[in-house]
Structures are given as structure tokens and as C-alpha cells.
Amino acid sequence: VACGHPAPVLLGAGPAREVAVAPGPPLGIGLVGVDPPQRTVVPLGPGDRLFLASDGVWEARDATGGFYPLVTGLTALAGTPSAGLPEAVGADLVRRGYQVRDDATMLVLTPDPGRPAPR
């Protein structure tokens, strides 16, 4: 569920890519006449990771006002272990001259290797 936040990014075989999720209103806003958020299931295989970031990461800007290219950055950082990936993205933002102007929350989800993928 993406309630007011950007789509997650799937890191697996090949380049990183955004996962299509049904949009929904931000959490805590009870809008009359708006359908509740719809759940999207993203099967994760061995070695796959799902990277979630708040809009502060996606909307970090450089000196020209351009947004941080998160998907491209994650493709370049794909070899980084999951535990260090949020810190690597933060360091990449700074190294490339982007400024975070909003909350910057990042989360990496990995499948449990002992549990079968959902169908």
C-alpha cells in the first residue's frame, strides 16, 4: 500500500525498477467518498529486495532544482548489502550535491530465505 508516498523500488536481477502500486490518500486522512487503499502483492524471490523511501528522498534536489534519480542511484548501488543500503543512498545524495528538504525515511525489505514466496 502506498498511502501518499512514492512507489517502492524492486532490486533484483537487472536494473532497479519502480513497482506499480495502487495510490491511496495519505494515512490518517479520512476522505469521504474515497476508496480505501488497495493492497499490492510483490513476490520477492531469492536475492530480491524492495526499497521504500519517503518523498524526502525522492524529492531531494540539486543546485539546478533537479530531483535525485533514485532508481538510477539504486541500480548503481545494487551490490551494497541490504543493511547498508539506506546509508549508501544517503551518502550518494550528499556526494552528488542533492539536498533533502523533507523527511528522509528508507526501508529495505528482503524475503525470508526459509519461507516460500506467496502465490
C-alpha atoms as a PDB file:
ATOM      1  CA  VAL A   1       0.000   0.000   0.000  1.00  0.00           C
ATOM      2  CA  ALA A   2       1.389   3.414  -0.939  1.00  0.00           C
ATOM      3  CA  CYS A   3      -0.544   5.929   1.122  1.00  0.00           C
ATOM      4  CA  GLY A   4       0.738   9.260  -0.080  1.00  0.00           C
ATOM      5  CA  HIS A   5       4.293   8.039  -0.640  1.00  0.00           C
ATOM      6  CA  PRO A   6       6.182   7.162  -3.821  1.00  0.00           C
ATOM      7  CA  ALA A   7       6.200   3.634  -5.186  1.00  0.00           C
ATOM      8  CA  PRO A   8       8.719   1.104  -3.866  1.00  0.00           C
ATOM      9  CA  VAL A   9      11.703   0.130  -5.989  1.00  0.00           C
ATOM     10  CA  LEU A  10      12.476  -3.517  -6.708  1.00  0.00           C
ATOM     11  CA  LEU A  11      16.135  -4.517  -6.750  1.00  0.00           C
ATOM     12  CA  GLY A  12      16.729  -7.905  -8.273  1.00  0.00           C
ATOM     13  CA  ALA A  13      18.145  -9.249 -11.486  1.00  0.00           C
ATOM     14  CA  GLY A  14      18.726  -6.377 -13.897  1.00  0.00           C
ATOM     15  CA  PRO A  15      18.293  -2.668 -13.254  1.00  0.00           C
ATOM     16  CA  ALA A  16      16.230  -1.374 -10.344  1.00  0.00           C
ATOM     17  CA  ARG A  17      12.622  -0.562 -11.233  1.00  0.00           C
ATOM     18  CA  GLU A  18       9.621   1.080  -9.633  1.00  0.00           C
ATOM     19  CA  VAL A  19       6.814  -1.270  -8.662  1.00  0.00           C
ATOM     20  CA  ALA A  20       3.331  -0.241  -9.758  1.00  0.00           C
ATOM     21  CA  VAL A  21       1.118   0.114  -6.703  1.00  0.00           C
ATOM     22  CA  ALA A  22      -2.404   1.454  -6.336  1.00  0.00           C
ATOM     23  CA  PRO A  23      -2.213   5.004  -4.991  1.00  0.00           C
ATOM     24  CA  GLY A  24      -4.113   5.931  -1.884  1.00  0.00           C
ATOM     25  CA  PRO A  25      -4.622   9.011   0.272  1.00  0.00           C
ATOM     26  CA  PRO A  26      -2.040   9.672   2.989  1.00  0.00           C
ATOM     27  CA  LEU A  27      -2.547   7.663   6.172  1.00  0.00           C
ATOM     28  CA  GLY A  28      -4.743   9.351   8.736  1.00  0.00           C
ATOM     29  CA  ILE A  29      -6.732  11.382   6.236  1.00  0.00           C
ATOM     30  CA  GLY A  30     -10.280  10.063   6.206  1.00  0.00           C
ATOM     31  CA  LEU A  31     -11.561  11.411   2.907  1.00  0.00           C
ATOM     32  CA  VAL A  32     -15.287  10.909   2.364  1.00  0.00           C
ATOM     33  CA  GLY A  33     -16.113   9.064  -0.837  1.00  0.00           C
ATOM     34  CA  VAL A  34     -12.547   7.856  -1.425  1.00  0.00           C
ATOM     35  CA  ASP A  35     -11.999   4.128  -1.674  1.00  0.00           C
ATOM     36  CA  PRO A  36      -9.626   2.635   0.899  1.00  0.00           C
ATOM     37  CA  PRO A  37      -6.128   1.834  -0.375  1.00  0.00           C
ATOM     38  CA  GLN A  38      -5.788  -1.357  -2.359  1.00  0.00           C
ATOM     39  CA  ARG A  39      -3.132  -3.898  -1.439  1.00  0.00           C
ATOM     40  CA  THR A  40      -0.498  -4.838  -3.997  1.00  0.00           C
ATOM     41  CA  VAL A  41       1.404  -8.110  -3.569  1.00  0.00           C
ATOM     42  CA  VAL A  42       5.011  -8.036  -4.738  1.00  0.00           C
ATOM     43  CA  PRO A  43       6.529 -11.528  -4.837  1.00  0.00           C
ATOM     44  CA  LEU A  44      10.189 -11.438  -3.831  1.00  0.00           C
ATOM     45  CA  GLY A  45      12.488 -14.180  -4.997  1.00  0.00           C
ATOM     46  CA  PRO A  46      15.888 -15.125  -3.626  1.00  0.00           C
ATOM     47  CA  GLY A  47      18.162 -12.094  -3.747  1.00  0.00           C
ATOM     48  CA  ASP A  48      15.333  -9.623  -4.428  1.00  0.00           C
ATOM     49  CA  ARG A  49      14.926  -6.559  -2.252  1.00  0.00           C
ATOM     50  CA  LEU A  50      12.209  -3.943  -2.017  1.00  0.00           C
ATOM     51  CA  PHE A  51      13.433  -0.426  -1.270  1.00  0.00           C
ATOM     52  CA  LEU A  52      10.913   2.015   0.173  1.00  0.00           C
ATOM     53  CA  ALA A  53      11.658   5.691   0.659  1.00  0.00           C
ATOM     54  CA  SER A  54       9.637   8.692   1.761  1.00  0.00           C
ATOM     55  CA  ASP A  55       9.199  11.664  -0.514  1.00  0.00           C
ATOM     56  CA  GLY A  56      12.140  13.468   1.095  1.00  0.00           C
ATOM     57  CA  VAL A  57      14.492  11.031  -0.651  1.00  0.00           C
ATOM     58  CA  TRP A  58      12.667  11.067  -3.999  1.00  0.00           C
ATOM     59  CA  GLU A  59      12.361  14.859  -3.960  1.00  0.00           C
ATOM     60  CA  ALA A  60      15.894  15.733  -2.865  1.00  0.00           C
ATOM     61  CA  ARG A  61      17.072  18.454  -5.243  1.00  0.00           C
ATOM     62  CA  ASP A  62      20.378  19.511  -6.728  1.00  0.00           C
ATOM     63  CA  ALA A  63      21.519  23.126  -7.305  1.00  0.00           C
ATOM     64  CA  THR A  64      19.515  23.315 -10.564  1.00  0.00           C
ATOM     65  CA  GLY A  65      16.317  22.091  -8.879  1.00  0.00           C
ATOM     66  CA  GLY A  66      16.509  18.600 -10.410  1.00  0.00           C
ATOM     67  CA  PHE A  67      15.254  15.619  -8.431  1.00  0.00           C
ATOM     68  CA  TYR A  68      17.519  12.844  -7.194  1.00  0.00           C
ATOM     69  CA  PRO A  69      17.372   9.900  -9.647  1.00  0.00           C
ATOM     70  CA  LEU A  70      16.643   7.245  -7.015  1.00  0.00           C
ATOM     71  CA  VAL A  71      16.087   4.347  -9.423  1.00  0.00           C
ATOM     72  CA  THR A  72      19.366   5.084 -11.225  1.00  0.00           C
ATOM     73  CA  GLY A  73      21.160   5.523  -7.897  1.00  0.00           C
ATOM     74  CA  LEU A  74      19.824   2.215  -6.604  1.00  0.00           C
ATOM     75  CA  THR A  75      20.906   0.429  -9.790  1.00  0.00           C
ATOM     76  CA  ALA A  76      24.441   1.732  -9.214  1.00  0.00           C
ATOM     77  CA  LEU A  77      24.317   0.739  -5.522  1.00  0.00           C
ATOM     78  CA  ALA A  78      22.766  -2.718  -6.113  1.00  0.00           C
ATOM     79  CA  GLY A  79      25.875  -4.519  -4.807  1.00  0.00           C
ATOM     80  CA  THR A  80      25.542  -2.832  -1.407  1.00  0.00           C
ATOM     81  CA  PRO A  81      24.362  -5.195   1.377  1.00  0.00           C
ATOM     82  CA  SER A  82      20.762  -4.573   2.473  1.00  0.00           C
ATOM     83  CA  ALA A  83      21.714  -3.386   5.957  1.00  0.00           C
ATOM     84  CA  GLY A  84      23.916  -0.630   4.498  1.00  0.00           C
ATOM     85  CA  LEU A  85      21.734   0.410   1.555  1.00  0.00           C
ATOM     86  CA  PRO A  86      19.893   3.325   3.223  1.00  0.00           C
ATOM     87  CA  GLU A  87      23.203   4.775   4.399  1.00  0.00           C
ATOM     88  CA  ALA A  88      24.681   4.301   0.906  1.00  0.00           C
ATOM     89  CA  VAL A  89      21.745   6.162  -0.666  1.00  0.00           C
ATOM     90  CA  GLY A  90      22.162   8.974   1.886  1.00  0.00           C
ATOM     91  CA  ALA A  91      25.883   9.205   1.117  1.00  0.00           C
ATOM     92  CA  ASP A  92      25.126   9.202  -2.632  1.00  0.00           C
ATOM     93  CA  LEU A  93      22.727  12.108  -2.165  1.00  0.00           C
ATOM     94  CA  VAL A  94      25.386  14.141  -0.362  1.00  0.00           C
ATOM     95  CA  ARG A  95      28.209  13.149  -2.715  1.00  0.00           C
ATOM     96  CA  ARG A  96      26.183  14.222  -5.751  1.00  0.00           C
ATOM     97  CA  GLY A  97      25.127  17.537  -4.201  1.00  0.00           C
ATOM     98  CA  TYR A  98      21.441  16.865  -3.513  1.00  0.00           C
ATOM     99  CA  GLN A  99      19.703  18.490  -0.557  1.00  0.00           C
ATOM    100  CA  VAL A 100      16.971  16.748   1.392  1.00  0.00           C
ATOM    101  CA  ARG A 101      14.218  19.227   2.253  1.00  0.00           C
ATOM    102  CA  ASP A 102      11.664  16.869   3.804  1.00  0.00           C
ATOM    103  CA  ASP A 103      11.604  13.719   5.906  1.00  0.00           C
ATOM    104  CA  ALA A 104      14.007  11.076   4.605  1.00  0.00           C
ATOM    105  CA  THR A 105      12.913   7.630   5.681  1.00  0.00           C
ATOM    106  CA  MET A 106      14.250   4.500   3.963  1.00  0.00           C
ATOM    107  CA  LEU A 107      13.459   0.825   4.455  1.00  0.00           C
ATOM    108  CA  VAL A 108      14.779  -2.305   2.739  1.00  0.00           C
ATOM    109  CA  LEU A 109      12.626  -5.444   2.731  1.00  0.00           C
ATOM    110  CA  THR A 110      14.100  -8.840   1.928  1.00  0.00           C
ATOM    111  CA  PRO A 111      12.401 -12.227   1.670  1.00  0.00           C
ATOM    112  CA  ASP A 112      12.852 -14.761   4.426  1.00  0.00           C
ATOM    113  CA  PRO A 113      15.053 -17.442   2.798  1.00  0.00           C
ATOM    114  CA  GLY A 114      13.339 -20.159   4.821  1.00  0.00           C
ATOM    115  CA  ARG A 115       9.840 -19.231   3.742  1.00  0.00           C
ATOM    116  CA  PRO A 116       8.279 -19.919   0.321  1.00  0.00           C
ATOM    117  CA  ALA A 117       7.224 -16.917  -1.793  1.00  0.00           C
ATOM    118  CA  PRO A 118       3.477 -16.138  -1.795  1.00  0.00           C
ATOM    119  CA  ARG A 119       1.471 -17.075  -4.866  1.00  0.00           C
END
